[in-house]
């Protein structure tokens, strides 16, 4: 709840649905999904 979560990967089996699930009210996380177009992954 309230945590910042970074997902590396936007595949349909993990990354995309996981981002949706983590932003539900039951989890209430703030999510950023990183992928090959992410400019500064480390940051």
ModelCIF file with pLDDT and N, C-alpha, C, O atoms, coordinates in Angstrom:
data_MODEL
#
_entry.id   MODEL 
#
_entity.id                         1 
_entity.type                       polymer 
_entity.pdbx_number_of_molecules   1 
#
_entity_poly.entity_id                      1 
_entity_poly.type                           'polypeptide(L)' 
_entity_poly.nstd_linkage                   no 
_entity_poly.nstd_monomer                   no 
_entity_poly.pdbx_seq_one_letter_code       
;(UNK)(UNK)(UNK)(UNK)(UNK)(UNK)(UNK)(UNK)(UNK)(UNK)(UNK)(UNK)(UNK)(UNK)(UNK)(UNK)
(UNK)(UNK)(UNK)(UNK)(UNK)(UNK)(UNK)(UNK)(UNK)(UNK)(UNK)(UNK)(UNK)(UNK)(UNK)(UNK)
(UNK)(UNK)(UNK)(UNK)(UNK)(UNK)(UNK)(UNK)(UNK)(UNK)(UNK)
;
_entity_poly.pdbx_seq_one_letter_code_can   XXXXXXXXXXXXXXXXXXXXXXXXXXXXXXXXXXXXXXXXXXX 
_entity_poly.pdbx_strand_id                 A 
#
loop_
_entity_poly_seq.entity_id 
_entity_poly_seq.num 
_entity_poly_seq.mon_id 
_entity_poly_seq.hetero 
1 1  UNK n 
1 2  UNK n 
1 3  UNK n 
1 4  UNK n 
1 5  UNK n 
1 6  UNK n 
1 7  UNK n 
1 8  UNK n 
1 9  UNK n 
1 10 UNK n 
1 11 UNK n 
1 12 UNK n 
1 13 UNK n 
1 14 UNK n 
1 15 UNK n 
1 16 UNK n 
1 17 UNK n 
1 18 UNK n 
1 19 UNK n 
1 20 UNK n 
1 21 UNK n 
1 22 UNK n 
1 23 UNK n 
1 24 UNK n 
1 25 UNK n 
1 26 UNK n 
1 27 UNK n 
1 28 UNK n 
1 29 UNK n 
1 30 UNK n 
1 31 UNK n 
1 32 UNK n 
1 33 UNK n 
1 34 UNK n 
1 35 UNK n 
1 36 UNK n 
1 37 UNK n 
1 38 UNK n 
1 39 UNK n 
1 40 UNK n 
1 41 UNK n 
1 42 UNK n 
1 43 UNK n 
#
_struct_asym.id          A 
_struct_asym.entity_id   1 
#
loop_
_ma_qa_metric.id 
_ma_qa_metric.mode 
_ma_qa_metric.name 
_ma_qa_metric.software_group_id 
_ma_qa_metric.type 
1 global pLDDT . pLDDT 
2 local  pLDDT . pLDDT 
#
_ma_qa_metric_global.metric_id      1 
_ma_qa_metric_global.metric_value   97.07 
_ma_qa_metric_global.model_id       1 
_ma_qa_metric_global.ordinal_id     1 
#
loop_
_ma_qa_metric_local.label_asym_id 
_ma_qa_metric_local.label_comp_id 
_ma_qa_metric_local.label_seq_id 
_ma_qa_metric_local.metric_id 
_ma_qa_metric_local.metric_value 
_ma_qa_metric_local.model_id 
_ma_qa_metric_local.ordinal_id 
A UNK 1  2 98.00 1 1  
A UNK 2  2 97.00 1 2  
A UNK 3  2 98.00 1 3  
A UNK 4  2 98.00 1 4  
A UNK 5  2 98.00 1 5  
A UNK 6  2 98.00 1 6  
A UNK 7  2 98.00 1 7  
A UNK 8  2 98.00 1 8  
A UNK 9  2 97.00 1 9  
A UNK 10 2 96.00 1 10 
A UNK 11 2 95.00 1 11 
A UNK 12 2 94.00 1 12 
A UNK 13 2 94.00 1 13 
A UNK 14 2 97.00 1 14 
A UNK 15 2 97.00 1 15 
A UNK 16 2 97.00 1 16 
A UNK 17 2 98.00 1 17 
A UNK 18 2 98.00 1 18 
A UNK 19 2 98.00 1 19 
A UNK 20 2 97.00 1 20 
A UNK 21 2 98.00 1 21 
A UNK 22 2 98.00 1 22 
A UNK 23 2 97.00 1 23 
A UNK 24 2 97.00 1 24 
A UNK 25 2 96.00 1 25 
A UNK 26 2 96.00 1 26 
A UNK 27 2 97.00 1 27 
A UNK 28 2 98.00 1 28 
A UNK 29 2 98.00 1 29 
A UNK 30 2 98.00 1 30 
A UNK 31 2 98.00 1 31 
A UNK 32 2 98.00 1 32 
A UNK 33 2 98.00 1 33 
A UNK 34 2 98.00 1 34 
A UNK 35 2 96.00 1 35 
A UNK 36 2 93.00 1 36 
A UNK 37 2 95.00 1 37 
A UNK 38 2 97.00 1 38 
A UNK 39 2 96.00 1 39 
A UNK 40 2 97.00 1 40 
A UNK 41 2 98.00 1 41 
A UNK 42 2 98.00 1 42 
A UNK 43 2 98.00 1 43 
#
loop_
_atom_site.group_PDB 
_atom_site.id 
_atom_site.type_symbol 
_atom_site.label_atom_id 
_atom_site.label_alt_id 
_atom_site.label_comp_id 
_atom_site.label_asym_id 
_atom_site.label_entity_id 
_atom_site.label_seq_id 
_atom_site.pdbx_PDB_ins_code 
_atom_site.Cartn_x 
_atom_site.Cartn_y 
_atom_site.Cartn_z 
_atom_site.occupancy 
_atom_site.B_iso_or_equiv 
_atom_site.pdbx_formal_charge 
_atom_site.auth_seq_id 
_atom_site.auth_comp_id 
_atom_site.auth_asym_id 
_atom_site.auth_atom_id 
_atom_site.pdbx_PDB_model_num 
ATOM 1   N N  . UNK A 1 1  ? 0.840  -1.198  0.000   1.00 98.00 ? 1  UNK A N  1 
ATOM 2   C CA . UNK A 1 1  ? 0.000  0.000   0.000   1.00 98.00 ? 1  UNK A CA 1 
ATOM 3   C C  . UNK A 1 1  ? 0.875  1.249   0.000   1.00 98.00 ? 1  UNK A C  1 
ATOM 4   O O  . UNK A 1 1  ? 1.652  1.481   0.927   1.00 98.00 ? 1  UNK A O  1 
ATOM 5   N N  . UNK A 1 2  ? 0.736  2.047   -1.055  1.00 97.00 ? 2  UNK A N  1 
ATOM 6   C CA . UNK A 1 2  ? 1.519  3.261   -1.166  1.00 97.00 ? 2  UNK A CA 1 
ATOM 7   C C  . UNK A 1 2  ? 2.938  3.058   -1.669  1.00 97.00 ? 2  UNK A C  1 
ATOM 8   O O  . UNK A 1 2  ? 3.667  4.027   -1.884  1.00 97.00 ? 2  UNK A O  1 
ATOM 9   N N  . UNK A 1 3  ? 3.338  1.800   -1.860  1.00 98.00 ? 3  UNK A N  1 
ATOM 10  C CA . UNK A 1 3  ? 4.708  1.531   -2.304  1.00 98.00 ? 3  UNK A CA 1 
ATOM 11  C C  . UNK A 1 3  ? 4.867  1.854   -3.788  1.00 98.00 ? 3  UNK A C  1 
ATOM 12  O O  . UNK A 1 3  ? 3.910  1.780   -4.559  1.00 98.00 ? 3  UNK A O  1 
ATOM 13  N N  . UNK A 1 4  ? 6.085  2.211   -4.171  1.00 98.00 ? 4  UNK A N  1 
ATOM 14  C CA . UNK A 1 4  ? 6.407  2.411   -5.581  1.00 98.00 ? 4  UNK A CA 1 
ATOM 15  C C  . UNK A 1 4  ? 6.984  1.100   -6.112  1.00 98.00 ? 4  UNK A C  1 
ATOM 16  O O  . UNK A 1 4  ? 8.005  0.615   -5.624  1.00 98.00 ? 4  UNK A O  1 
ATOM 17  N N  . UNK A 1 5  ? 6.320  0.538   -7.112  1.00 98.00 ? 5  UNK A N  1 
ATOM 18  C CA . UNK A 1 5  ? 6.729  -0.751  -7.675  1.00 98.00 ? 5  UNK A CA 1 
ATOM 19  C C  . UNK A 1 5  ? 7.197  -0.537  -9.109  1.00 98.00 ? 5  UNK A C  1 
ATOM 20  O O  . UNK A 1 5  ? 6.497  0.073   -9.916  1.00 98.00 ? 5  UNK A O  1 
ATOM 21  N N  . UNK A 1 6  ? 8.379  -1.041  -9.416  1.00 98.00 ? 6  UNK A N  1 
ATOM 22  C CA . UNK A 1 6  ? 8.902  -0.997  -10.781 1.00 98.00 ? 6  UNK A CA 1 
ATOM 23  C C  . UNK A 1 6  ? 8.875  -2.406  -11.362 1.00 98.00 ? 6  UNK A C  1 
ATOM 24  O O  . UNK A 1 6  ? 9.486  -3.325  -10.816 1.00 98.00 ? 6  UNK A O  1 
ATOM 25  N N  . UNK A 1 7  ? 8.162  -2.567  -12.469 1.00 98.00 ? 7  UNK A N  1 
ATOM 26  C CA . UNK A 1 7  ? 8.111  -3.841  -13.173 1.00 98.00 ? 7  UNK A CA 1 
ATOM 27  C C  . UNK A 1 7  ? 9.013  -3.729  -14.396 1.00 98.00 ? 7  UNK A C  1 
ATOM 28  O O  . UNK A 1 7  ? 8.914  -2.773  -15.165 1.00 98.00 ? 7  UNK A O  1 
ATOM 29  N N  . UNK A 1 8  ? 9.887  -4.706  -14.569 1.00 98.00 ? 8  UNK A N  1 
ATOM 30  C CA . UNK A 1 8  ? 10.759 -4.724  -15.740 1.00 98.00 ? 8  UNK A CA 1 
ATOM 31  C C  . UNK A 1 8  ? 10.209 -5.772  -16.711 1.00 98.00 ? 8  UNK A C  1 
ATOM 32  O O  . UNK A 1 8  ? 10.334 -6.973  -16.474 1.00 98.00 ? 8  UNK A O  1 
ATOM 33  N N  . UNK A 1 9  ? 9.610  -5.315  -17.785 1.00 97.00 ? 9  UNK A N  1 
ATOM 34  C CA . UNK A 1 9  ? 8.998  -6.227  -18.745 1.00 97.00 ? 9  UNK A CA 1 
ATOM 35  C C  . UNK A 1 9  ? 7.511  -5.940  -18.890 1.00 97.00 ? 9  UNK A C  1 
ATOM 36  O O  . UNK A 1 9  ? 6.823  -5.684  -17.902 1.00 97.00 ? 9  UNK A O  1 
ATOM 37  N N  . UNK A 1 10 ? 7.016  -5.984  -20.132 1.00 96.00 ? 10 UNK A N  1 
ATOM 38  C CA . UNK A 1 10 ? 5.619  -5.671  -20.391 1.00 96.00 ? 10 UNK A CA 1 
ATOM 39  C C  . UNK A 1 10 ? 4.892  -6.808  -21.111 1.00 96.00 ? 10 UNK A C  1 
ATOM 40  O O  . UNK A 1 10 ? 3.930  -6.581  -21.845 1.00 96.00 ? 10 UNK A O  1 
ATOM 41  N N  . UNK A 1 11 ? 5.369  -8.034  -20.888 1.00 95.00 ? 11 UNK A N  1 
ATOM 42  C CA . UNK A 1 11 ? 4.747  -9.197  -21.521 1.00 95.00 ? 11 UNK A CA 1 
ATOM 43  C C  . UNK A 1 11 ? 3.335  -9.434  -21.017 1.00 95.00 ? 11 UNK A C  1 
ATOM 44  O O  . UNK A 1 11 ? 2.968  -8.995  -19.928 1.00 95.00 ? 11 UNK A O  1 
ATOM 45  N N  . UNK A 1 12 ? 2.551  -10.133 -21.821 1.00 94.00 ? 12 UNK A N  1 
ATOM 46  C CA . UNK A 1 12 ? 1.140  -10.332 -21.499 1.00 94.00 ? 12 UNK A CA 1 
ATOM 47  C C  . UNK A 1 12 ? 0.949  -11.323 -20.356 1.00 94.00 ? 12 UNK A C  1 
ATOM 48  O O  . UNK A 1 12 ? -0.084 -11.290 -19.688 1.00 94.00 ? 12 UNK A O  1 
ATOM 49  N N  . UNK A 1 13 ? 1.922  -12.204 -20.115 1.00 94.00 ? 13 UNK A N  1 
ATOM 50  C CA . UNK A 1 13 ? 1.742  -13.190 -19.045 1.00 94.00 ? 13 UNK A CA 1 
ATOM 51  C C  . UNK A 1 13 ? 2.128  -12.657 -17.668 1.00 94.00 ? 13 UNK A C  1 
ATOM 52  O O  . UNK A 1 13 ? 1.662  -13.175 -16.654 1.00 94.00 ? 13 UNK A O  1 
ATOM 53  N N  . UNK A 1 14 ? 2.976  -11.625 -17.623 1.00 97.00 ? 14 UNK A N  1 
ATOM 54  C CA . UNK A 1 14 ? 3.420  -11.107 -16.318 1.00 97.00 ? 14 UNK A CA 1 
ATOM 55  C C  . UNK A 1 14 ? 3.270  -9.593  -16.233 1.00 97.00 ? 14 UNK A C  1 
ATOM 56  O O  . UNK A 1 14 ? 2.425  -9.096  -15.488 1.00 97.00 ? 14 UNK A O  1 
ATOM 57  N N  . UNK A 1 15 ? 4.075  -8.864  -16.982 1.00 97.00 ? 15 UNK A N  1 
ATOM 58  C CA . UNK A 1 15 ? 4.196  -7.424  -16.790 1.00 97.00 ? 15 UNK A CA 1 
ATOM 59  C C  . UNK A 1 15 ? 2.908  -6.643  -16.909 1.00 97.00 ? 15 UNK A C  1 
ATOM 60  O O  . UNK A 1 15 ? 2.577  -5.859  -16.020 1.00 97.00 ? 15 UNK A O  1 
ATOM 61  N N  . UNK A 1 16 ? 2.171  -6.841  -17.995 1.00 97.00 ? 16 UNK A N  1 
ATOM 62  C CA . UNK A 1 16 ? 0.957  -6.040  -18.204 1.00 97.00 ? 16 UNK A CA 1 
ATOM 63  C C  . UNK A 1 16 ? -0.119 -6.330  -17.161 1.00 97.00 ? 16 UNK A C  1 
ATOM 64  O O  . UNK A 1 16 ? -0.608 -5.394  -16.529 1.00 97.00 ? 16 UNK A O  1 
ATOM 65  N N  . UNK A 1 17 ? -0.507 -7.593  -16.956 1.00 98.00 ? 17 UNK A N  1 
ATOM 66  C CA . UNK A 1 17 ? -1.543 -7.822  -15.940 1.00 98.00 ? 17 UNK A CA 1 
ATOM 67  C C  . UNK A 1 17 ? -1.079 -7.504  -14.526 1.00 98.00 ? 17 UNK A C  1 
ATOM 68  O O  . UNK A 1 17 ? -1.883 -7.081  -13.696 1.00 98.00 ? 17 UNK A O  1 
ATOM 69  N N  . UNK A 1 18 ? 0.205  -7.702  -14.238 1.00 98.00 ? 18 UNK A N  1 
ATOM 70  C CA . UNK A 1 18 ? 0.709  -7.426  -12.888 1.00 98.00 ? 18 UNK A CA 1 
ATOM 71  C C  . UNK A 1 18 ? 0.565  -5.953  -12.539 1.00 98.00 ? 18 UNK A C  1 
ATOM 72  O O  . UNK A 1 18 ? 0.218  -5.610  -11.408 1.00 98.00 ? 18 UNK A O  1 
ATOM 73  N N  . UNK A 1 19 ? 0.830  -5.080  -13.506 1.00 98.00 ? 19 UNK A N  1 
ATOM 74  C CA . UNK A 1 19 ? 0.665  -3.655  -13.252 1.00 98.00 ? 19 UNK A CA 1 
ATOM 75  C C  . UNK A 1 19 ? -0.761 -3.306  -12.888 1.00 98.00 ? 19 UNK A C  1 
ATOM 76  O O  . UNK A 1 19 ? -0.997 -2.503  -11.986 1.00 98.00 ? 19 UNK A O  1 
ATOM 77  N N  . UNK A 1 20 ? -1.712 -3.903  -13.584 1.00 97.00 ? 20 UNK A N  1 
ATOM 78  C CA . UNK A 1 20 ? -3.132 -3.661  -13.286 1.00 97.00 ? 20 UNK A CA 1 
ATOM 79  C C  . UNK A 1 20 ? -3.493 -4.189  -11.899 1.00 97.00 ? 20 UNK A C  1 
ATOM 80  O O  . UNK A 1 20 ? -4.206 -3.526  -11.147 1.00 97.00 ? 20 UNK A O  1 
ATOM 81  N N  . UNK A 1 21 ? -3.009 -5.363  -11.568 1.00 98.00 ? 21 UNK A N  1 
ATOM 82  C CA . UNK A 1 21 ? -3.348 -5.980  -10.290 1.00 98.00 ? 21 UNK A CA 1 
ATOM 83  C C  . UNK A 1 21 ? -2.779 -5.186  -9.113  1.00 98.00 ? 21 UNK A C  1 
ATOM 84  O O  . UNK A 1 21 ? -3.424 -5.066  -8.072  1.00 98.00 ? 21 UNK A O  1 
ATOM 85  N N  . UNK A 1 22 ? -1.584 -4.651  -9.279  1.00 98.00 ? 22 UNK A N  1 
ATOM 86  C CA . UNK A 1 22 ? -0.943 -3.914  -8.184  1.00 98.00 ? 22 UNK A CA 1 
ATOM 87  C C  . UNK A 1 22 ? -1.599 -2.564  -7.924  1.00 98.00 ? 22 UNK A C  1 
ATOM 88  O O  . UNK A 1 22 ? -1.463 -2.004  -6.836  1.00 98.00 ? 22 UNK A O  1 
ATOM 89  N N  . UNK A 1 23 ? -2.308 -2.040  -8.921  1.00 97.00 ? 23 UNK A N  1 
ATOM 90  C CA . UNK A 1 23 ? -2.965 -0.740  -8.719  1.00 97.00 ? 23 UNK A CA 1 
ATOM 91  C C  . UNK A 1 23 ? -4.408 -0.886  -8.236  1.00 97.00 ? 23 UNK A C  1 
ATOM 92  O O  . UNK A 1 23 ? -5.104 0.114   -8.067  1.00 97.00 ? 23 UNK A O  1 
ATOM 93  N N  . UNK A 1 24 ? -4.863 -2.121  -8.014  1.00 97.00 ? 24 UNK A N  1 
ATOM 94  C CA . UNK A 1 24 ? -6.193 -2.293  -7.422  1.00 97.00 ? 24 UNK A CA 1 
ATOM 95  C C  . UNK A 1 24 ? -6.194 -1.732  -5.999  1.00 97.00 ? 24 UNK A C  1 
ATOM 96  O O  . UNK A 1 24 ? -5.139 -1.581  -5.383  1.00 97.00 ? 24 UNK A O  1 
ATOM 97  N N  . UNK A 1 25 ? -7.378 -1.427  -5.486  1.00 96.00 ? 25 UNK A N  1 
ATOM 98  C CA . UNK A 1 25 ? -7.469 -0.884  -4.128  1.00 96.00 ? 25 UNK A CA 1 
ATOM 99  C C  . UNK A 1 25 ? -6.951 -1.875  -3.082  1.00 96.00 ? 25 UNK A C  1 
ATOM 100 O O  . UNK A 1 25 ? -6.490 -1.462  -2.018  1.00 96.00 ? 25 UNK A O  1 
ATOM 101 N N  . UNK A 1 26 ? -7.020 -3.152  -3.370  1.00 96.00 ? 26 UNK A N  1 
ATOM 102 C CA . UNK A 1 26 ? -6.548 -4.150  -2.412  1.00 96.00 ? 26 UNK A CA 1 
ATOM 103 C C  . UNK A 1 26 ? -5.025 -4.115  -2.253  1.00 96.00 ? 26 UNK A C  1 
ATOM 104 O O  . UNK A 1 26 ? -4.506 -4.543  -1.223  1.00 96.00 ? 26 UNK A O  1 
ATOM 105 N N  . UNK A 1 27 ? -4.297 -3.605  -3.270  1.00 97.00 ? 27 UNK A N  1 
ATOM 106 C CA . UNK A 1 27 ? -2.848 -3.465  -3.181  1.00 97.00 ? 27 UNK A CA 1 
ATOM 107 C C  . UNK A 1 27 ? -2.428 -1.995  -3.040  1.00 97.00 ? 27 UNK A C  1 
ATOM 108 O O  . UNK A 1 27 ? -1.566 -1.668  -2.224  1.00 97.00 ? 27 UNK A O  1 
ATOM 109 N N  . UNK A 1 28 ? -3.034 -1.126  -3.828  1.00 98.00 ? 28 UNK A N  1 
ATOM 110 C CA . UNK A 1 28 ? -2.814 0.325   -3.712  1.00 98.00 ? 28 UNK A CA 1 
ATOM 111 C C  . UNK A 1 28 ? -1.362 0.749   -3.929  1.00 98.00 ? 28 UNK A C  1 
ATOM 112 O O  . UNK A 1 28 ? -0.892 1.702   -3.307  1.00 98.00 ? 28 UNK A O  1 
ATOM 113 N N  . UNK A 1 29 ? -0.654 0.042   -4.809  1.00 98.00 ? 29 UNK A N  1 
ATOM 114 C CA . UNK A 1 29 ? 0.712  0.422   -5.127  1.00 98.00 ? 29 UNK A CA 1 
ATOM 115 C C  . UNK A 1 29 ? 0.726  1.433   -6.276  1.00 98.00 ? 29 UNK A C  1 
ATOM 116 O O  . UNK A 1 29 ? -0.238 1.543   -7.034  1.00 98.00 ? 29 UNK A O  1 
ATOM 117 N N  . UNK A 1 30 ? 1.812  2.155   -6.388  1.00 98.00 ? 30 UNK A N  1 
ATOM 118 C CA . UNK A 1 30 ? 2.055  3.036   -7.532  1.00 98.00 ? 30 UNK A CA 1 
ATOM 119 C C  . UNK A 1 30 ? 3.047  2.324   -8.438  1.00 98.00 ? 30 UNK A C  1 
ATOM 120 O O  . UNK A 1 30 ? 4.141  1.962   -8.003  1.00 98.00 ? 30 UNK A O  1 
ATOM 121 N N  . UNK A 1 31 ? 2.669  2.121   -9.702  1.00 98.00 ? 31 UNK A N  1 
ATOM 122 C CA . UNK A 1 31 ? 3.428  1.229   -10.572 1.00 98.00 ? 31 UNK A CA 1 
ATOM 123 C C  . UNK A 1 31 ? 4.022  1.965   -11.763 1.00 98.00 ? 31 UNK A C  1 
ATOM 124 O O  . UNK A 1 31 ? 3.359  2.783   -12.401 1.00 98.00 ? 31 UNK A O  1 
ATOM 125 N N  . UNK A 1 32 ? 5.284  1.661   -12.052 1.00 98.00 ? 32 UNK A N  1 
ATOM 126 C CA . UNK A 1 32 ? 5.910  2.078   -13.305 1.00 98.00 ? 32 UNK A CA 1 
ATOM 127 C C  . UNK A 1 32 ? 6.362  0.811   -14.025 1.00 98.00 ? 32 UNK A C  1 
ATOM 128 O O  . UNK A 1 32 ? 7.025  -0.045  -13.439 1.00 98.00 ? 32 UNK A O  1 
ATOM 129 N N  . UNK A 1 33 ? 5.996  0.700   -15.301 1.00 98.00 ? 33 UNK A N  1 
ATOM 130 C CA . UNK A 1 33 ? 6.376  -0.464  -16.099 1.00 98.00 ? 33 UNK A CA 1 
ATOM 131 C C  . UNK A 1 33 ? 7.522  -0.084  -17.021 1.00 98.00 ? 33 UNK A C  1 
ATOM 132 O O  . UNK A 1 33 ? 7.382  0.779   -17.887 1.00 98.00 ? 33 UNK A O  1 
ATOM 133 N N  . UNK A 1 34 ? 8.650  -0.736  -16.824 1.00 98.00 ? 34 UNK A N  1 
ATOM 134 C CA . UNK A 1 34 ? 9.846  -0.448  -17.621 1.00 98.00 ? 34 UNK A CA 1 
ATOM 135 C C  . UNK A 1 34 ? 9.985  -1.474  -18.750 1.00 98.00 ? 34 UNK A C  1 
ATOM 136 O O  . UNK A 1 34 ? 9.557  -2.622  -18.623 1.00 98.00 ? 34 UNK A O  1 
ATOM 137 N N  . UNK A 1 35 ? 10.586 -1.037  -19.844 1.00 96.00 ? 35 UNK A N  1 
ATOM 138 C CA . UNK A 1 35 ? 10.701 -1.899  -21.028 1.00 96.00 ? 35 UNK A CA 1 
ATOM 139 C C  . UNK A 1 35 ? 11.851 -1.400  -21.890 1.00 96.00 ? 35 UNK A C  1 
ATOM 140 O O  . UNK A 1 35 ? 12.642 -0.563  -21.453 1.00 96.00 ? 35 UNK A O  1 
ATOM 141 N N  . UNK A 1 36 ? 11.946 -1.908  -23.105 1.00 93.00 ? 36 UNK A N  1 
ATOM 142 C CA . UNK A 1 36 ? 13.081 -1.547  -23.958 1.00 93.00 ? 36 UNK A CA 1 
ATOM 143 C C  . UNK A 1 36 ? 13.102 -0.066  -24.332 1.00 93.00 ? 36 UNK A C  1 
ATOM 144 O O  . UNK A 1 36 ? 14.137 0.457   -24.746 1.00 93.00 ? 36 UNK A O  1 
ATOM 145 N N  . UNK A 1 37 ? 11.966 0.607   -24.190 1.00 95.00 ? 37 UNK A N  1 
ATOM 146 C CA . UNK A 1 37 ? 11.913 2.033   -24.497 1.00 95.00 ? 37 UNK A CA 1 
ATOM 147 C C  . UNK A 1 37 ? 12.184 2.927   -23.300 1.00 95.00 ? 37 UNK A C  1 
ATOM 148 O O  . UNK A 1 37 ? 12.187 4.151   -23.433 1.00 95.00 ? 37 UNK A O  1 
ATOM 149 N N  . UNK A 1 38 ? 12.412 2.336   -22.132 1.00 97.00 ? 38 UNK A N  1 
ATOM 150 C CA . UNK A 1 38 ? 12.702 3.123   -20.932 1.00 97.00 ? 38 UNK A CA 1 
ATOM 151 C C  . UNK A 1 38 ? 14.083 3.772   -21.060 1.00 97.00 ? 38 UNK A C  1 
ATOM 152 O O  . UNK A 1 38 ? 15.071 3.087   -21.326 1.00 97.00 ? 38 UNK A O  1 
ATOM 153 N N  . UNK A 1 39 ? 14.150 5.081   -20.872 1.00 96.00 ? 39 UNK A N  1 
ATOM 154 C CA . UNK A 1 39 ? 15.400 5.815   -21.114 1.00 96.00 ? 39 UNK A CA 1 
ATOM 155 C C  . UNK A 1 39 ? 16.476 5.507   -20.081 1.00 96.00 ? 39 UNK A C  1 
ATOM 156 O O  . UNK A 1 39 ? 17.640 5.323   -20.439 1.00 96.00 ? 39 UNK A O  1 
ATOM 157 N N  . UNK A 1 40 ? 16.105 5.449   -18.808 1.00 97.00 ? 40 UNK A N  1 
ATOM 158 C CA . UNK A 1 40 ? 17.106 5.237   -17.753 1.00 97.00 ? 40 UNK A CA 1 
ATOM 159 C C  . UNK A 1 40 ? 16.559 4.212   -16.772 1.00 97.00 ? 40 UNK A C  1 
ATOM 160 O O  . UNK A 1 40 ? 15.963 4.560   -15.753 1.00 97.00 ? 40 UNK A O  1 
ATOM 161 N N  . UNK A 1 41 ? 16.774 2.941   -17.097 1.00 98.00 ? 41 UNK A N  1 
ATOM 162 C CA . UNK A 1 41 ? 16.241 1.857   -16.267 1.00 98.00 ? 41 UNK A CA 1 
ATOM 163 C C  . UNK A 1 41 ? 16.768 1.931   -14.841 1.00 98.00 ? 41 UNK A C  1 
ATOM 164 O O  . UNK A 1 41 ? 16.009 1.772   -13.884 1.00 98.00 ? 41 UNK A O  1 
ATOM 165 N N  . UNK A 1 42 ? 18.061 2.171   -14.700 1.00 98.00 ? 42 UNK A N  1 
ATOM 166 C CA . UNK A 1 42 ? 18.658 2.208   -13.364 1.00 98.00 ? 42 UNK A CA 1 
ATOM 167 C C  . UNK A 1 42 ? 18.005 3.269   -12.488 1.00 98.00 ? 42 UNK A C  1 
ATOM 168 O O  . UNK A 1 42 ? 17.745 3.026   -11.310 1.00 98.00 ? 42 UNK A O  1 
ATOM 169 N N  . UNK A 1 43 ? 17.736 4.449   -13.058 1.00 98.00 ? 43 UNK A N  1 
ATOM 170 C CA . UNK A 1 43 ? 17.122 5.525   -12.283 1.00 98.00 ? 43 UNK A CA 1 
ATOM 171 C C  . UNK A 1 43 ? 15.719 5.146   -11.839 1.00 98.00 ? 43 UNK A C  1 
ATOM 172 O O  . UNK A 1 43 ? 15.047 5.934   -11.173 1.00 98.00 ? 43 UNK A O  1 
#
